[in-house]
Amino acid sequence: MAPGIGRVIGQGFRTAGRSWAGIGVFAAGWLLLWGAVTGLIALTGVPQELIVPPAPVSEVPAPLVEGGDAAKDLFGQMATPPAAQQPPPAEPAVTPPQSQETAAREQAVAEWFGRAWPVLGLCVLVYAALSLWLTGGQIGYLAQRVTAQPARISAYWTAGARAFGSLLGASLLGLLALAALVLLLSLLGAVFSPLSRTAPEGLRVALGLIVGVAVLVGLVWVAVRLSFWFITIVVDRLGPLASLKASFRVTRGRWWRVCGLGVSLGLISLVAYGGFMLLNALAGFMGGVGEIVIILLAVLLYLVAYVYLEFTRTAAYLHFYEAARAPSAS
């Protein structure tokens, strides 16, 4: 039987607390990744229109007409013969300044995408590759901590390199499955579209709710069953399909425990984010130099807490996995 959720989370916190060297390497890797991607994008000459937000649209108030003048004009028009009432000449259409600004902004952004798409594609590839490498390295490093082995920083390189191909294959397999789901939902929408135009509104709403809830429940169920997909790739050195089956095997009969583990860790992260928002609100009340100092401090604390909780989450799942696959748990 798998251990309790509270015990696993406590083990995850203790393991993360002994892994500050690994946390530093992980954070430095992500900083280098973001710096490289940001630098490549900056070299493309990002247009100012994409950085600076558009100016707010100014509303021109309608001219106010006093009641006496309006009444005078009304009675004057009633007294004027119909032949004398000629419509005013039509003025030429003038494009509002806001429309011209929007068109110029869209043109500048389109021209930038037209010349920068190779670099942007390279950034996506670099980000995907290095993030998978760091994920594999983090799991390999923490797996050594969880199994009481000497945890070496070199595990980031060795584990990431060894599992990179399988992690890439699993990611592509997940993207294909997501694309197939979107295609299936599009086909269902096309099939039921004639029915939606003729069916009563209450029936349409009910069908929409049923389909939406069914898709949501299905996605949550699959996400929980795949909680150990990447872990089994790195720890057991399995391929994408074999590790998928291993994740399903580990979560069989333990779905609610794994789901509770994910929800509990998500709530802990939400509390950390709430503290960050509270510090931001406090900074807004202070103003001046104090506001800048508190915002910088809040951002720094949140980044440290985020990386630490990310290690805690991975370590907790590793502890759960090791306990679930132990001979006494089967």
C-alpha atoms as a PDB file:
ATOM      1  CA  MET A   1       0.000   0.000   0.000  1.00  0.00           C
ATOM      2  CA  ALA A   2       1.304   3.461  -0.891  1.00  0.00           C
ATOM      3  CA  PRO A   3       2.265   5.798   1.966  1.00  0.00           C
ATOM      4  CA  GLY A   4       0.033   8.608   3.155  1.00  0.00           C
ATOM      5  CA  ILE A   5      -0.053  11.918   1.316  1.00  0.00           C
ATOM      6  CA  GLY A   6       1.173  13.932   4.296  1.00  0.00           C
ATOM      7  CA  ARG A   7       4.108  11.611   4.837  1.00  0.00           C
ATOM      8  CA  VAL A   8       5.133  11.759   1.181  1.00  0.00           C
ATOM      9  CA  ILE A   9       4.947  15.566   1.107  1.00  0.00           C
ATOM     10  CA  GLY A  10       7.018  15.758   4.303  1.00  0.00           C
ATOM     11  CA  GLN A  11       9.635  13.506   2.726  1.00  0.00           C
ATOM     12  CA  GLY A  12       9.605  15.732  -0.338  1.00  0.00           C
ATOM     13  CA  PHE A  13      10.258  18.842   1.756  1.00  0.00           C
ATOM     14  CA  ARG A  14      13.116  17.141   3.620  1.00  0.00           C
ATOM     15  CA  THR A  15      14.694  15.908   0.388  1.00  0.00           C
ATOM     16  CA  ALA A  16      14.437  19.356  -1.203  1.00  0.00           C
ATOM     17  CA  GLY A  17      15.962  20.877   1.945  1.00  0.00           C
ATOM     18  CA  ARG A  18      19.055  18.724   1.444  1.00  0.00           C
ATOM     19  CA  SER A  19      19.340  19.614  -2.237  1.00  0.00           C
ATOM     20  CA  TRP A  20      20.301  23.285  -2.268  1.00  0.00           C
ATOM     21  CA  ALA A  21      23.287  22.640  -4.532  1.00  0.00           C
ATOM     22  CA  GLY A  22      21.016  20.908  -7.033  1.00  0.00           C
ATOM     23  CA  ILE A  23      18.457  23.693  -6.698  1.00  0.00           C
ATOM     24  CA  GLY A  24      21.164  26.230  -7.517  1.00  0.00           C
ATOM     25  CA  VAL A  25      22.215  24.335 -10.627  1.00  0.00           C
ATOM     26  CA  PHE A  26      18.586  23.963 -11.700  1.00  0.00           C
ATOM     27  CA  ALA A  27      17.874  27.676 -11.209  1.00  0.00           C
ATOM     28  CA  ALA A  28      21.082  28.675 -12.992  1.00  0.00           C
ATOM     29  CA  GLY A  29      20.186  26.426 -15.920  1.00  0.00           C
ATOM     30  CA  TRP A  30      16.772  28.030 -16.282  1.00  0.00           C
ATOM     31  CA  LEU A  31      18.253  31.530 -16.001  1.00  0.00           C
ATOM     32  CA  LEU A  32      20.750  30.731 -18.742  1.00  0.00           C
ATOM     33  CA  LEU A  33      17.974  29.277 -20.880  1.00  0.00           C
ATOM     34  CA  TRP A  34      15.759  32.332 -20.494  1.00  0.00           C
ATOM     35  CA  GLY A  35      18.722  34.633 -21.062  1.00  0.00           C
ATOM     36  CA  ALA A  36      19.700  32.830 -24.273  1.00  0.00           C
ATOM     37  CA  VAL A  37      16.147  32.846 -25.626  1.00  0.00           C
ATOM     38  CA  THR A  38      15.623  36.512 -24.701  1.00  0.00           C
ATOM     39  CA  GLY A  39      18.934  37.477 -26.296  1.00  0.00           C
ATOM     40  CA  LEU A  40      18.096  35.676 -29.540  1.00  0.00           C
ATOM     41  CA  ILE A  41      14.718  37.379 -29.713  1.00  0.00           C
ATOM     42  CA  ALA A  42      16.292  40.785 -29.002  1.00  0.00           C
ATOM     43  CA  LEU A  43      18.688  40.319 -31.934  1.00  0.00           C
ATOM     44  CA  THR A  44      15.716  40.201 -34.314  1.00  0.00           C
ATOM     45  CA  GLY A  45      14.936  43.851 -33.637  1.00  0.00           C
ATOM     46  CA  VAL A  46      11.578  43.584 -31.869  1.00  0.00           C
ATOM     47  CA  PRO A  47       9.408  46.490 -33.057  1.00  0.00           C
ATOM     48  CA  GLN A  48       8.461  49.113 -30.542  1.00  0.00           C
ATOM     49  CA  GLU A  49       4.795  48.519 -31.397  1.00  0.00           C
ATOM     50  CA  LEU A  50       5.054  45.034 -29.865  1.00  0.00           C
ATOM     51  CA  ILE A  51       6.620  46.296 -26.631  1.00  0.00           C
ATOM     52  CA  VAL A  52       4.805  49.554 -25.944  1.00  0.00           C
ATOM     53  CA  PRO A  53       1.075  49.054 -25.278  1.00  0.00           C
ATOM     54  CA  PRO A  54      -1.309  50.996 -27.515  1.00  0.00           C
ATOM     55  CA  ALA A  55      -2.513  54.359 -26.276  1.00  0.00           C
ATOM     56  CA  PRO A  56      -5.999  54.294 -24.762  1.00  0.00           C
ATOM     57  CA  VAL A  57      -8.788  55.333 -27.087  1.00  0.00           C
ATOM     58  CA  SER A  58      -9.975  58.817 -26.154  1.00  0.00           C
ATOM     59  CA  GLU A  59     -13.686  59.350 -26.210  1.00  0.00           C
ATOM     60  CA  VAL A  60     -14.877  62.642 -27.668  1.00  0.00           C
ATOM     61  CA  PRO A  61     -17.892  63.903 -25.711  1.00  0.00           C
ATOM     62  CA  ALA A  62     -20.969  64.769 -27.697  1.00  0.00           C
ATOM     63  CA  PRO A  63     -21.769  68.497 -27.888  1.00  0.00           C
ATOM     64  CA  LEU A  64     -24.195  69.576 -25.246  1.00  0.00           C
ATOM     65  CA  VAL A  65     -27.311  71.430 -26.418  1.00  0.00           C
ATOM     66  CA  GLU A  66     -29.232  73.542 -23.996  1.00  0.00           C
ATOM     67  CA  GLY A  67     -32.920  72.864 -23.659  1.00  0.00           C
ATOM     68  CA  GLY A  68     -33.991  76.357 -24.802  1.00  0.00           C
ATOM     69  CA  ASP A  69     -31.918  76.178 -27.996  1.00  0.00           C
ATOM     70  CA  ALA A  70     -33.203  72.706 -28.751  1.00  0.00           C
ATOM     71  CA  ALA A  71     -36.795  73.844 -28.346  1.00  0.00           C
ATOM     72  CA  LYS A  72     -36.127  76.920 -30.485  1.00  0.00           C
ATOM     73  CA  ASP A  73     -34.615  74.777 -33.255  1.00  0.00           C
ATOM     74  CA  LEU A  74     -37.501  72.341 -33.067  1.00  0.00           C
ATOM     75  CA  PHE A  75     -40.175  75.026 -33.448  1.00  0.00           C
ATOM     76  CA  GLY A  76     -38.099  76.733 -36.121  1.00  0.00           C
ATOM     77  CA  GLN A  77     -37.940  73.531 -38.160  1.00  0.00           C
ATOM     78  CA  MET A  78     -41.692  73.032 -37.752  1.00  0.00           C
ATOM     79  CA  ALA A  79     -42.275  76.510 -39.129  1.00  0.00           C
ATOM     80  CA  THR A  80     -39.871  76.033 -42.058  1.00  0.00           C
ATOM     81  CA  PRO A  81     -41.421  74.776 -45.281  1.00  0.00           C
ATOM     82  CA  PRO A  82     -40.324  71.235 -46.262  1.00  0.00           C
ATOM     83  CA  ALA A  83     -38.683  72.507 -49.437  1.00  0.00           C
ATOM     84  CA  ALA A  84     -36.292  74.639 -47.408  1.00  0.00           C
ATOM     85  CA  GLN A  85     -35.127  71.734 -45.301  1.00  0.00           C
ATOM     86  CA  GLN A  86     -32.190  70.424 -47.313  1.00  0.00           C
ATOM     87  CA  PRO A  87     -29.914  67.706 -45.878  1.00  0.00           C
ATOM     88  CA  PRO A  88     -26.373  68.871 -45.112  1.00  0.00           C
ATOM     89  CA  PRO A  89     -23.721  67.895 -47.663  1.00  0.00           C
ATOM     90  CA  ALA A  90     -22.053  64.560 -46.920  1.00  0.00           C
ATOM     91  CA  GLU A  91     -18.554  64.924 -45.535  1.00  0.00           C
ATOM     92  CA  PRO A  92     -15.782  62.639 -46.821  1.00  0.00           C
ATOM     93  CA  ALA A  93     -15.086  59.619 -44.634  1.00  0.00           C
ATOM     94  CA  VAL A  94     -12.070  60.149 -42.430  1.00  0.00           C
ATOM     95  CA  THR A  95     -10.232  57.199 -40.906  1.00  0.00           C
ATOM     96  CA  PRO A  96     -10.040  57.644 -37.127  1.00  0.00           C
ATOM     97  CA  PRO A  97      -6.509  58.085 -35.726  1.00  0.00           C
ATOM     98  CA  GLN A  98      -6.965  54.971 -33.601  1.00  0.00           C
ATOM     99  CA  SER A  99      -7.666  52.838 -36.677  1.00  0.00           C
ATOM    100  CA  GLN A 100      -4.573  54.187 -38.419  1.00  0.00           C
ATOM    101  CA  GLU A 101      -2.459  53.453 -35.336  1.00  0.00           C
ATOM    102  CA  THR A 102      -3.841  49.912 -35.073  1.00  0.00           C
ATOM    103  CA  ALA A 103      -3.178  49.235 -38.743  1.00  0.00           C
ATOM    104  CA  ALA A 104       0.390  50.537 -38.450  1.00  0.00           C
ATOM    105  CA  ARG A 105       0.978  48.408 -35.372  1.00  0.00           C
ATOM    106  CA  GLU A 106      -0.354  45.262 -37.052  1.00  0.00           C
ATOM    107  CA  GLN A 107       1.746  45.913 -40.152  1.00  0.00           C
ATOM    108  CA  ALA A 108       4.922  46.411 -38.090  1.00  0.00           C
ATOM    109  CA  VAL A 109       4.310  43.210 -36.105  1.00  0.00           C
ATOM    110  CA  ALA A 110       3.539  41.235 -39.290  1.00  0.00           C
ATOM    111  CA  GLU A 111       6.746  42.478 -40.949  1.00  0.00           C
ATOM    112  CA  TRP A 112       8.738  41.504 -37.853  1.00  0.00           C
ATOM    113  CA  PHE A 113       7.257  37.994 -37.804  1.00  0.00           C
ATOM    114  CA  GLY A 114       7.996  37.701 -41.505  1.00  0.00           C
ATOM    115  CA  ARG A 115      11.727  38.298 -41.036  1.00  0.00           C
ATOM    116  CA  ALA A 116      12.161  36.824 -37.531  1.00  0.00           C
ATOM    117  CA  TRP A 117      10.310  33.506 -37.801  1.00  0.00           C
ATOM    118  CA  PRO A 118      13.508  31.417 -38.300  1.00  0.00           C
ATOM    119  CA  VAL A 119      15.004  32.822 -35.097  1.00  0.00           C
ATOM    120  CA  LEU A 120      11.710  32.396 -33.234  1.00  0.00           C
ATOM    121  CA  GLY A 121      11.523  28.782 -34.395  1.00  0.00           C
ATOM    122  CA  LEU A 122      15.094  28.245 -33.208  1.00  0.00           C
ATOM    123  CA  CYS A 123      14.154  29.728 -29.825  1.00  0.00           C
ATOM    124  CA  VAL A 124      11.264  27.278 -29.498  1.00  0.00           C
ATOM    125  CA  LEU A 125      13.556  24.350 -30.328  1.00  0.00           C
ATOM    126  CA  VAL A 126      16.275  25.523 -27.909  1.00  0.00           C
ATOM    127  CA  TYR A 127      13.735  26.082 -25.144  1.00  0.00           C
ATOM    128  CA  ALA A 128      12.114  22.664 -25.642  1.00  0.00           C
ATOM    129  CA  ALA A 129      15.432  20.809 -25.815  1.00  0.00           C
ATOM    130  CA  LEU A 130      17.093  22.431 -22.808  1.00  0.00           C
ATOM    131  CA  SER A 131      13.944  22.285 -20.661  1.00  0.00           C
ATOM    132  CA  LEU A 132      13.681  18.536 -21.312  1.00  0.00           C
ATOM    133  CA  TRP A 133      17.374  18.163 -20.503  1.00  0.00           C
ATOM    134  CA  LEU A 134      16.961  20.065 -17.219  1.00  0.00           C
ATOM    135  CA  THR A 135      13.852  18.057 -16.332  1.00  0.00           C
ATOM    136  CA  GLY A 136      15.668  14.779 -16.862  1.00  0.00           C
ATOM    137  CA  GLY A 137      18.670  16.022 -14.886  1.00  0.00           C
ATOM    138  CA  GLN A 138      16.496  17.186 -12.000  1.00  0.00           C
ATOM    139  CA  ILE A 139      14.696  13.838 -11.768  1.00  0.00           C
ATOM    140  CA  GLY A 140      17.992  11.931 -11.951  1.00  0.00           C
ATOM    141  CA  TYR A 141      19.591  14.097  -9.261  1.00  0.00           C
ATOM    142  CA  LEU A 142      16.615  13.803  -6.898  1.00  0.00           C
ATOM    143  CA  ALA A 143      16.303  10.070  -7.549  1.00  0.00           C
ATOM    144  CA  GLN A 144      19.784   9.692  -6.060  1.00  0.00           C
ATOM    145  CA  ARG A 145      18.696  11.709  -3.028  1.00  0.00           C
ATOM    146  CA  VAL A 146      15.513   9.665  -2.560  1.00  0.00           C
ATOM    147  CA  THR A 147      17.314   6.320  -2.755  1.00  0.00           C
ATOM    148  CA  ALA A 148      19.999   7.486  -0.278  1.00  0.00           C
ATOM    149  CA  GLN A 149      22.715   7.419  -2.917  1.00  0.00           C
ATOM    150  CA  PRO A 150      25.448  10.076  -3.094  1.00  0.00           C
ATOM    151  CA  ALA A 151      23.791  12.842  -5.116  1.00  0.00           C
ATOM    152  CA  ARG A 152      26.228  14.304  -7.603  1.00  0.00           C
ATOM    153  CA  ILE A 153      25.728  17.455  -9.632  1.00  0.00           C
ATOM    154  CA  SER A 154      27.005  15.508 -12.633  1.00  0.00           C
ATOM    155  CA  ALA A 155      23.669  13.657 -12.584  1.00  0.00           C
ATOM    156  CA  TYR A 156      22.177  16.680 -14.335  1.00  0.00           C
ATOM    157  CA  TRP A 157      24.377  15.964 -17.327  1.00  0.00           C
ATOM    158  CA  THR A 158      24.351  12.169 -17.324  1.00  0.00           C
ATOM    159  CA  ALA A 159      20.666  11.644 -16.525  1.00  0.00           C
ATOM    160  CA  GLY A 160      19.572  14.450 -18.838  1.00  0.00           C
ATOM    161  CA  ALA A 161      21.656  13.113 -21.730  1.00  0.00           C
ATOM    162  CA  ARG A 162      20.622   9.498 -21.188  1.00  0.00           C
ATOM    163  CA  ALA A 163      16.890  10.207 -20.989  1.00  0.00           C
ATOM    164  CA  PHE A 164      16.722  13.044 -23.531  1.00  0.00           C
ATOM    165  CA  GLY A 165      15.616  10.922 -26.493  1.00  0.00           C
ATOM    166  CA  SER A 166      12.880   9.144 -24.540  1.00  0.00           C
ATOM    167  CA  LEU A 167      11.673  12.385 -22.952  1.00  0.00           C
ATOM    168  CA  LEU A 168      11.505  13.974 -26.398  1.00  0.00           C
ATOM    169  CA  GLY A 169       9.575  11.005 -27.761  1.00  0.00           C
ATOM    170  CA  ALA A 170       7.137  11.123 -24.841  1.00  0.00           C
ATOM    171  CA  SER A 171       6.586  14.858 -25.348  1.00  0.00           C
ATOM    172  CA  LEU A 172       5.890  14.381 -29.062  1.00  0.00           C
ATOM    173  CA  LEU A 173       3.550  11.507 -28.262  1.00  0.00           C
ATOM    174  CA  GLY A 174       1.667  13.733 -25.826  1.00  0.00           C
ATOM    175  CA  LEU A 175       1.391  16.504 -28.426  1.00  0.00           C
ATOM    176  CA  LEU A 176       0.028  14.023 -30.976  1.00  0.00           C
ATOM    177  CA  ALA A 177      -2.547  12.800 -28.470  1.00  0.00           C
ATOM    178  CA  LEU A 178      -3.587  16.393 -27.716  1.00  0.00           C
ATOM    179  CA  ALA A 179      -3.881  17.163 -31.441  1.00  0.00           C
ATOM    180  CA  ALA A 180      -6.008  14.032 -31.920  1.00  0.00           C
ATOM    181  CA  LEU A 181      -8.290  15.162 -29.084  1.00  0.00           C
ATOM    182  CA  VAL A 182      -8.715  18.613 -30.628  1.00  0.00           C
ATOM    183  CA  LEU A 183      -9.479  17.028 -34.019  1.00  0.00           C
ATOM    184  CA  LEU A 184     -12.026  14.688 -32.443  1.00  0.00           C
ATOM    185  CA  LEU A 185     -13.776  17.561 -30.668  1.00  0.00           C
ATOM    186  CA  SER A 186     -13.817  19.547 -33.929  1.00  0.00           C
ATOM    187  CA  LEU A 187     -15.396  16.619 -35.784  1.00  0.00           C
ATOM    188  CA  LEU A 188     -18.004  16.205 -33.043  1.00  0.00           C
ATOM    189  CA  GLY A 189     -18.768  19.910 -33.265  1.00  0.00           C
ATOM    190  CA  ALA A 190     -19.211  19.661 -37.033  1.00  0.00           C
ATOM    191  CA  VAL A 191     -21.480  16.626 -36.709  1.00  0.00           C
ATOM    192  CA  PHE A 192     -23.710  18.140 -34.024  1.00  0.00           C
ATOM    193  CA  SER A 193     -23.745  21.635 -35.529  1.00  0.00           C
ATOM    194  CA  PRO A 194     -27.020  21.109 -37.484  1.00  0.00           C
ATOM    195  CA  LEU A 195     -28.622  19.732 -34.325  1.00  0.00           C
ATOM    196  CA  SER A 196     -27.521  22.746 -32.292  1.00  0.00           C
ATOM    197  CA  ARG A 197     -29.339  25.080 -34.693  1.00  0.00           C
ATOM    198  CA  THR A 198     -32.643  23.235 -34.434  1.00  0.00           C
ATOM    199  CA  ALA A 199     -32.602  21.950 -30.855  1.00  0.00           C
ATOM    200  CA  PRO A 200     -34.087  24.007 -28.009  1.00  0.00           C
ATOM    201  CA  GLU A 201     -31.724  26.240 -26.116  1.00  0.00           C
ATOM    202  CA  GLY A 202     -32.044  24.254 -22.900  1.00  0.00           C
ATOM    203  CA  LEU A 203     -31.040  21.045 -24.681  1.00  0.00           C
ATOM    204  CA  ARG A 204     -28.031  22.778 -26.271  1.00  0.00           C
ATOM    205  CA  VAL A 205     -26.846  24.077 -22.900  1.00  0.00           C
ATOM    206  CA  ALA A 206     -27.287  20.657 -21.300  1.00  0.00           C
ATOM    207  CA  LEU A 207     -25.365  18.903 -24.087  1.00  0.00           C
ATOM    208  CA  GLY A 208     -22.583  21.488 -23.887  1.00  0.00           C
ATOM    209  CA  LEU A 209     -22.258  20.984 -20.128  1.00  0.00           C
ATOM    210  CA  ILE A 210     -22.240  17.196 -20.471  1.00  0.00           C
ATOM    211  CA  VAL A 211     -19.536  17.264 -23.147  1.00  0.00           C
ATOM    212  CA  GLY A 212     -17.448  19.838 -21.266  1.00  0.00           C
ATOM    213  CA  VAL A 213     -17.606  17.930 -17.976  1.00  0.00           C
ATOM    214  CA  ALA A 214     -16.835  14.629 -19.744  1.00  0.00           C
ATOM    215  CA  VAL A 215     -13.766  16.107 -21.461  1.00  0.00           C
ATOM    216  CA  LEU A 216     -12.550  17.709 -18.213  1.00  0.00           C
ATOM    217  CA  VAL A 217     -12.993  14.514 -16.208  1.00  0.00           C
ATOM    218  CA  GLY A 218     -11.227  12.515 -18.917  1.00  0.00           C
ATOM    219  CA  LEU A 219      -8.270  14.912 -19.012  1.00  0.00           C
ATOM    220  CA  VAL A 220      -7.904  14.870 -15.216  1.00  0.00           C
ATOM    221  CA  TRP A 221      -8.080  11.057 -15.159  1.00  0.00           C
ATOM    222  CA  VAL A 222      -5.401  10.743 -17.846  1.00  0.00           C
ATOM    223  CA  ALA A 223      -3.186  13.392 -16.203  1.00  0.00           C
ATOM    224  CA  VAL A 224      -3.211  11.490 -12.912  1.00  0.00           C
ATOM    225  CA  ARG A 225      -2.467   8.161 -14.622  1.00  0.00           C
ATOM    226  CA  LEU A 226       0.499   9.810 -16.389  1.00  0.00           C
ATOM    227  CA  SER A 227       1.932  11.411 -13.231  1.00  0.00           C
ATOM    228  CA  PHE A 228       4.976   9.095 -13.274  1.00  0.00           C
ATOM    229  CA  TRP A 229       5.559   9.039 -17.046  1.00  0.00           C
ATOM    230  CA  PHE A 230       8.755  11.111 -17.050  1.00  0.00           C
ATOM    231  CA  ILE A 231       9.899   9.647 -13.718  1.00  0.00           C
ATOM    232  CA  THR A 232       9.846   6.099 -15.061  1.00  0.00           C
ATOM    233  CA  ILE A 233      11.751   7.233 -18.171  1.00  0.00           C
ATOM    234  CA  VAL A 234      14.616   8.611 -16.074  1.00  0.00           C
ATOM    235  CA  VAL A 235      14.628   6.219 -13.118  1.00  0.00           C
ATOM    236  CA  ASP A 236      13.934   2.935 -14.920  1.00  0.00           C
ATOM    237  CA  ARG A 237      15.505   3.968 -18.252  1.00  0.00           C
ATOM    238  CA  LEU A 238      12.413   2.995 -20.227  1.00  0.00           C
ATOM    239  CA  GLY A 239      11.210   4.155 -23.623  1.00  0.00           C
ATOM    240  CA  PRO A 240       8.183   6.405 -24.127  1.00  0.00           C
ATOM    241  CA  LEU A 241       5.607   3.610 -24.525  1.00  0.00           C
ATOM    242  CA  ALA A 242       7.075   1.324 -21.858  1.00  0.00           C
ATOM    243  CA  SER A 243       7.225   4.187 -19.359  1.00  0.00           C
ATOM    244  CA  LEU A 244       3.624   5.116 -20.170  1.00  0.00           C
ATOM    245  CA  LYS A 245       2.540   1.582 -19.297  1.00  0.00           C
ATOM    246  CA  ALA A 246       4.668   1.697 -16.138  1.00  0.00           C
ATOM    247  CA  SER A 247       2.958   4.920 -15.027  1.00  0.00           C
ATOM    248  CA  PHE A 248      -0.458   3.350 -15.572  1.00  0.00           C
ATOM    249  CA  ARG A 249       0.670   0.299 -13.607  1.00  0.00           C
ATOM    250  CA  VAL A 250       1.881   2.357 -10.638  1.00  0.00           C
ATOM    251  CA  THR A 251      -1.336   4.403 -10.439  1.00  0.00           C
ATOM    252  CA  ARG A 252      -3.624   1.372 -10.755  1.00  0.00           C
ATOM    253  CA  GLY A 253      -5.636   1.203  -7.544  1.00  0.00           C
ATOM    254  CA  ARG A 254      -3.955   4.386  -6.280  1.00  0.00           C
ATOM    255  CA  TRP A 255      -5.689   6.998  -8.450  1.00  0.00           C
ATOM    256  CA  TRP A 256      -7.256   8.919  -5.580  1.00  0.00           C
ATOM    257  CA  ARG A 257      -4.012   8.982  -3.596  1.00  0.00           C
ATOM    258  CA  VAL A 258      -2.046  10.297  -6.557  1.00  0.00           C
ATOM    259  CA  CYS A 259      -4.767  12.844  -7.305  1.00  0.00           C
ATOM    260  CA  GLY A 260      -4.768  13.960  -3.654  1.00  0.00           C
ATOM    261  CA  LEU A 261      -0.993  14.316  -3.771  1.00  0.00           C
ATOM    262  CA  GLY A 262      -1.206  16.565  -6.834  1.00  0.00           C
ATOM    263  CA  VAL A 263      -4.008  18.680  -5.356  1.00  0.00           C
ATOM    264  CA  SER A 264      -2.174  19.089  -2.032  1.00  0.00           C
ATOM    265  CA  LEU A 265       1.042  20.189  -3.726  1.00  0.00           C
ATOM    266  CA  GLY A 266      -0.961  22.584  -5.909  1.00  0.00           C
ATOM    267  CA  LEU A 267      -2.560  24.157  -2.833  1.00  0.00           C
ATOM    268  CA  ILE A 268       0.861  24.636  -1.236  1.00  0.00           C
ATOM    269  CA  SER A 269       2.061  26.431  -4.384  1.00  0.00           C
ATOM    270  CA  LEU A 270      -1.107  28.532  -4.336  1.00  0.00           C
ATOM    271  CA  VAL A 271      -0.354  29.642  -0.770  1.00  0.00           C
ATOM    272  CA  ALA A 272       3.145  30.713  -1.846  1.00  0.00           C
ATOM    273  CA  TYR A 273       1.665  32.688  -4.734  1.00  0.00           C
ATOM    274  CA  GLY A 274      -0.835  34.284  -2.341  1.00  0.00           C
ATOM    275  CA  GLY A 275       2.041  35.498  -0.161  1.00  0.00           C
ATOM    276  CA  PHE A 276       3.673  37.017  -3.238  1.00  0.00           C
ATOM    277  CA  MET A 277       0.467  38.866  -4.124  1.00  0.00           C
ATOM    278  CA  LEU A 278       0.122  40.074  -0.525  1.00  0.00           C
ATOM    279  CA  LEU A 279       3.609  41.573  -0.617  1.00  0.00           C
ATOM    280  CA  ASN A 280       2.777  43.273  -3.910  1.00  0.00           C
ATOM    281  CA  ALA A 281      -0.360  44.770  -2.359  1.00  0.00           C
ATOM    282  CA  LEU A 282       1.677  45.997   0.616  1.00  0.00           C
ATOM    283  CA  ALA A 283       4.173  47.595  -1.753  1.00  0.00           C
ATOM    284  CA  GLY A 284       1.341  49.432  -3.500  1.00  0.00           C
ATOM    285  CA  PHE A 285       0.301  51.037  -0.206  1.00  0.00           C
ATOM    286  CA  MET A 286       3.827  52.205   0.609  1.00  0.00           C
ATOM    287  CA  GLY A 287       4.854  53.873  -2.640  1.00  0.00           C
ATOM    288  CA  GLY A 288       8.198  55.468  -3.402  1.00  0.00           C
ATOM    289  CA  VAL A 289      11.479  53.644  -2.827  1.00  0.00           C
ATOM    290  CA  GLY A 290       9.867  51.284  -0.333  1.00  0.00           C
ATOM    291  CA  GLU A 291       7.504  50.008  -3.025  1.00  0.00           C
ATOM    292  CA  ILE A 292      10.389  49.164  -5.370  1.00  0.00           C
ATOM    293  CA  VAL A 293      12.351  47.406  -2.595  1.00  0.00           C
ATOM    294  CA  ILE A 294       9.386  45.298  -1.489  1.00  0.00           C
ATOM    295  CA  ILE A 295       8.486  44.343  -5.072  1.00  0.00           C
ATOM    296  CA  LEU A 296      12.070  43.233  -5.787  1.00  0.00           C
ATOM    297  CA  LEU A 297      12.160  41.310  -2.504  1.00  0.00           C
ATOM    298  CA  ALA A 298       8.793  39.681  -3.272  1.00  0.00           C
ATOM    299  CA  VAL A 299       9.929  38.619  -6.744  1.00  0.00           C
ATOM    300  CA  LEU A 300      13.171  37.158  -5.360  1.00  0.00           C
ATOM    301  CA  LEU A 301      11.368  35.267  -2.592  1.00  0.00           C
ATOM    302  CA  TYR A 302       8.765  33.959  -5.010  1.00  0.00           C
ATOM    303  CA  LEU A 303      11.400  32.680  -7.442  1.00  0.00           C
ATOM    304  CA  VAL A 304      13.256  30.904  -4.622  1.00  0.00           C
ATOM    305  CA  ALA A 305      10.006  29.453  -3.285  1.00  0.00           C
ATOM    306  CA  TYR A 306       8.930  28.369  -6.772  1.00  0.00           C
ATOM    307  CA  VAL A 307      12.151  26.452  -7.465  1.00  0.00           C
ATOM    308  CA  TYR A 308      12.155  24.949  -3.959  1.00  0.00           C
ATOM    309  CA  LEU A 309       8.535  23.819  -4.286  1.00  0.00           C
ATOM    310  CA  GLU A 310       9.294  22.404  -7.732  1.00  0.00           C
ATOM    311  CA  PHE A 311      12.000  20.255  -6.142  1.00  0.00           C
ATOM    312  CA  THR A 312       9.604  19.338  -3.339  1.00  0.00           C
ATOM    313  CA  ARG A 313       6.958  18.258  -5.845  1.00  0.00           C
ATOM    314  CA  THR A 314       9.360  16.084  -7.849  1.00  0.00           C
ATOM    315  CA  ALA A 315      10.866  14.567  -4.691  1.00  0.00           C
ATOM    316  CA  ALA A 316       7.392  13.792  -3.298  1.00  0.00           C
ATOM    317  CA  TYR A 317       6.397  11.958  -6.479  1.00  0.00           C
ATOM    318  CA  LEU A 318       9.711  10.067  -6.403  1.00  0.00           C
ATOM    319  CA  HIS A 319       9.116   8.989  -2.794  1.00  0.00           C
ATOM    320  CA  PHE A 320       5.597   7.883  -3.716  1.00  0.00           C
ATOM    321  CA  TYR A 321       6.918   5.974  -6.722  1.00  0.00           C
ATOM    322  CA  GLU A 322       9.636   4.190  -4.731  1.00  0.00           C
ATOM    323  CA  ALA A 323       7.158   3.184  -2.040  1.00  0.00           C
ATOM    324  CA  ALA A 324       4.485   2.102  -4.528  1.00  0.00           C
ATOM    325  CA  ARG A 325       6.775  -0.202  -6.472  1.00  0.00           C
ATOM    326  CA  ALA A 326       8.348  -1.752  -3.379  1.00  0.00           C
ATOM    327  CA  PRO A 327       7.592  -5.500  -2.918  1.00  0.00           C
ATOM    328  CA  SER A 328       5.536  -4.820   0.231  1.00  0.00           C
ATOM    329  CA  ALA A 329       3.301  -2.397  -1.690  1.00  0.00           C
ATOM    330  CA  SER A 330       2.248  -4.865  -4.377  1.00  0.00           C
END
